[in-house]
Amino acid sequence: MSISYLWLAIAIVAEVAATSALKAADGFTRLVPSLITVVGYAIAFVCLSLTLRTIPVGITYAIWSGVGIVLVSAVAWIWYRQNLDLPALLGMGLILAGVLVINLFSRTAGH
C-alpha cells in the first residue's frame, strides 16, 4: 500500500467528519460544528491533492466519493438517526462493489 492511499484515507475521514458536522453547523450559525466543517474540508482537500501525485484523478475521485457516500450515510444513520431503506442500502452496496472492483482489478488504480 502506497503512501498515497494513506493520504486518500485521511482525506475521506476528514471529508466525512466535515460533512457530518455541516448539518450540526445549522447554516454556519453554530461555532464548533462550523469550525469542524471548515477545517475538515481543508484537510480533506490538501490530502486529496497529495493523493493525486500518484493515483489518477478519476480513480481517486471514484474511491473518495464512493467510500465517502457510504460513510456519511452510516454516520447520519447512527448520529442523526436517519433511516436507510433497502434501496439505499443496495445502492451503497453497489457503490462499495464498484470501489472494490477498481482497487482489485483496475490497472489504472496506481498500485
Protein backbone atom coordinates (compact mmCIF):
# COMPACT_ATOMS: atom_id res chain seq x y z
CA MET A 1 0.00 0.00 0.00
CA SER A 2 1.50 3.29 -1.04
CA ILE A 3 1.54 6.49 0.99
CA SER A 4 -1.00 7.90 -1.49
CA TYR A 5 -3.63 5.54 -0.16
CA LEU A 6 -2.91 6.77 3.36
CA TRP A 7 -3.44 10.37 2.16
CA LEU A 8 -6.66 9.23 0.48
CA ALA A 9 -7.88 7.55 3.67
CA ILE A 10 -7.18 10.71 5.68
CA ALA A 11 -8.98 12.78 3.04
CA ILE A 12 -12.01 10.51 3.25
CA VAL A 13 -12.16 10.60 7.07
CA ALA A 14 -11.74 14.40 7.12
CA GLU A 15 -14.45 14.86 4.48
CA VAL A 16 -16.85 12.56 6.34
CA ALA A 17 -16.25 14.47 9.58
CA ALA A 18 -16.72 17.81 7.81
CA THR A 19 -19.89 16.75 6.01
CA SER A 20 -21.33 15.25 9.18
CA ALA A 21 -20.59 18.43 11.13
CA LEU A 22 -22.15 20.55 8.38
CA LYS A 23 -25.65 19.50 9.42
CA ALA A 24 -24.90 20.37 13.04
CA ALA A 25 -23.44 23.74 11.94
CA ASP A 26 -27.02 24.81 11.16
CA GLY A 27 -26.18 27.17 8.32
CA PHE A 28 -22.87 28.13 9.95
CA THR A 29 -24.71 29.59 12.96
CA ARG A 30 -23.01 27.26 15.48
CA LEU A 31 -19.31 27.87 16.03
CA VAL A 32 -17.82 24.47 16.88
CA PRO A 33 -19.56 22.45 14.14
CA SER A 34 -18.77 25.26 11.68
CA LEU A 35 -15.07 25.10 12.59
CA ILE A 36 -15.05 21.31 12.26
CA THR A 37 -16.63 21.68 8.82
CA VAL A 38 -14.13 24.25 7.53
CA VAL A 39 -11.05 22.55 8.99
CA GLY A 40 -12.26 19.11 7.90
CA TYR A 41 -12.76 20.20 4.31
CA ALA A 42 -9.37 21.95 4.26
CA ILE A 43 -7.64 18.80 5.48
CA ALA A 44 -9.62 16.69 3.03
CA PHE A 45 -8.63 18.76 0.01
CA VAL A 46 -4.96 19.03 0.99
CA CYS A 47 -4.75 15.26 1.45
CA LEU A 48 -6.71 14.67 -1.74
CA SER A 49 -4.23 16.83 -3.65
CA LEU A 50 -1.36 14.77 -2.23
CA THR A 51 -3.12 11.61 -3.37
CA LEU A 52 -3.27 12.94 -6.91
CA ARG A 53 0.52 12.93 -7.16
CA THR A 54 0.47 9.21 -7.93
CA ILE A 55 -3.12 7.99 -8.33
CA PRO A 56 -5.11 9.12 -11.40
CA VAL A 57 -7.79 11.71 -10.68
CA GLY A 58 -10.68 9.54 -11.91
CA ILE A 59 -9.69 6.62 -9.71
CA THR A 60 -9.02 8.88 -6.73
CA TYR A 61 -12.37 10.61 -7.06
CA ALA A 62 -14.27 7.36 -7.52
CA ILE A 63 -12.80 5.95 -4.32
CA TRP A 64 -13.10 9.21 -2.36
CA SER A 65 -16.70 9.89 -3.30
CA GLY A 66 -17.85 6.27 -3.15
CA VAL A 67 -16.44 5.49 0.27
CA GLY A 68 -17.46 8.96 1.47
CA ILE A 69 -21.09 8.41 0.45
CA VAL A 70 -21.28 5.16 2.37
CA LEU A 71 -19.54 6.52 5.48
CA VAL A 72 -21.57 9.75 5.60
CA SER A 73 -24.74 7.69 5.28
CA ALA A 74 -23.60 5.44 8.13
CA VAL A 75 -22.80 8.44 10.33
CA ALA A 76 -26.18 10.01 9.51
CA TRP A 77 -27.89 6.73 10.38
CA ILE A 78 -26.08 6.46 13.74
CA TRP A 79 -25.67 10.11 14.76
CA TYR A 80 -28.77 11.76 13.27
CA ARG A 81 -30.99 8.65 13.29
CA GLN A 82 -31.74 8.99 9.59
CA ASN A 83 -33.32 5.87 8.13
CA LEU A 84 -31.75 3.89 5.32
CA ASP A 85 -34.26 1.85 3.36
CA LEU A 86 -33.49 -1.26 1.31
CA PRO A 87 -32.91 0.59 -2.00
CA ALA A 88 -30.46 2.95 -0.25
CA LEU A 89 -28.59 0.04 1.29
CA LEU A 90 -28.50 -1.85 -2.02
CA GLY A 91 -27.25 1.25 -3.83
CA MET A 92 -24.49 1.77 -1.31
CA GLY A 93 -23.57 -1.90 -1.62
CA LEU A 94 -23.19 -1.39 -5.36
CA ILE A 95 -21.04 1.69 -4.78
CA LEU A 96 -18.76 -0.30 -2.48
CA ALA A 97 -18.64 -3.11 -5.03
CA GLY A 98 -17.52 -0.60 -7.65
CA VAL A 99 -14.77 0.73 -5.39
CA LEU A 100 -13.59 -2.83 -4.76
CA VAL A 101 -13.57 -3.67 -8.47
CA ILE A 102 -11.49 -0.58 -9.19
CA ASN A 103 -9.00 -1.38 -6.45
CA LEU A 104 -8.72 -5.09 -7.05
CA PHE A 105 -8.83 -5.33 -10.83
CA SER A 106 -8.05 -1.98 -12.46
CA ARG A 107 -4.53 -1.44 -13.76
CA THR A 108 -5.07 2.32 -13.69
CA ALA A 109 -5.51 2.38 -9.90
CA GLY A 110 -1.80 3.06 -9.43
CA HIS A 111 -0.98 0.25 -7.00
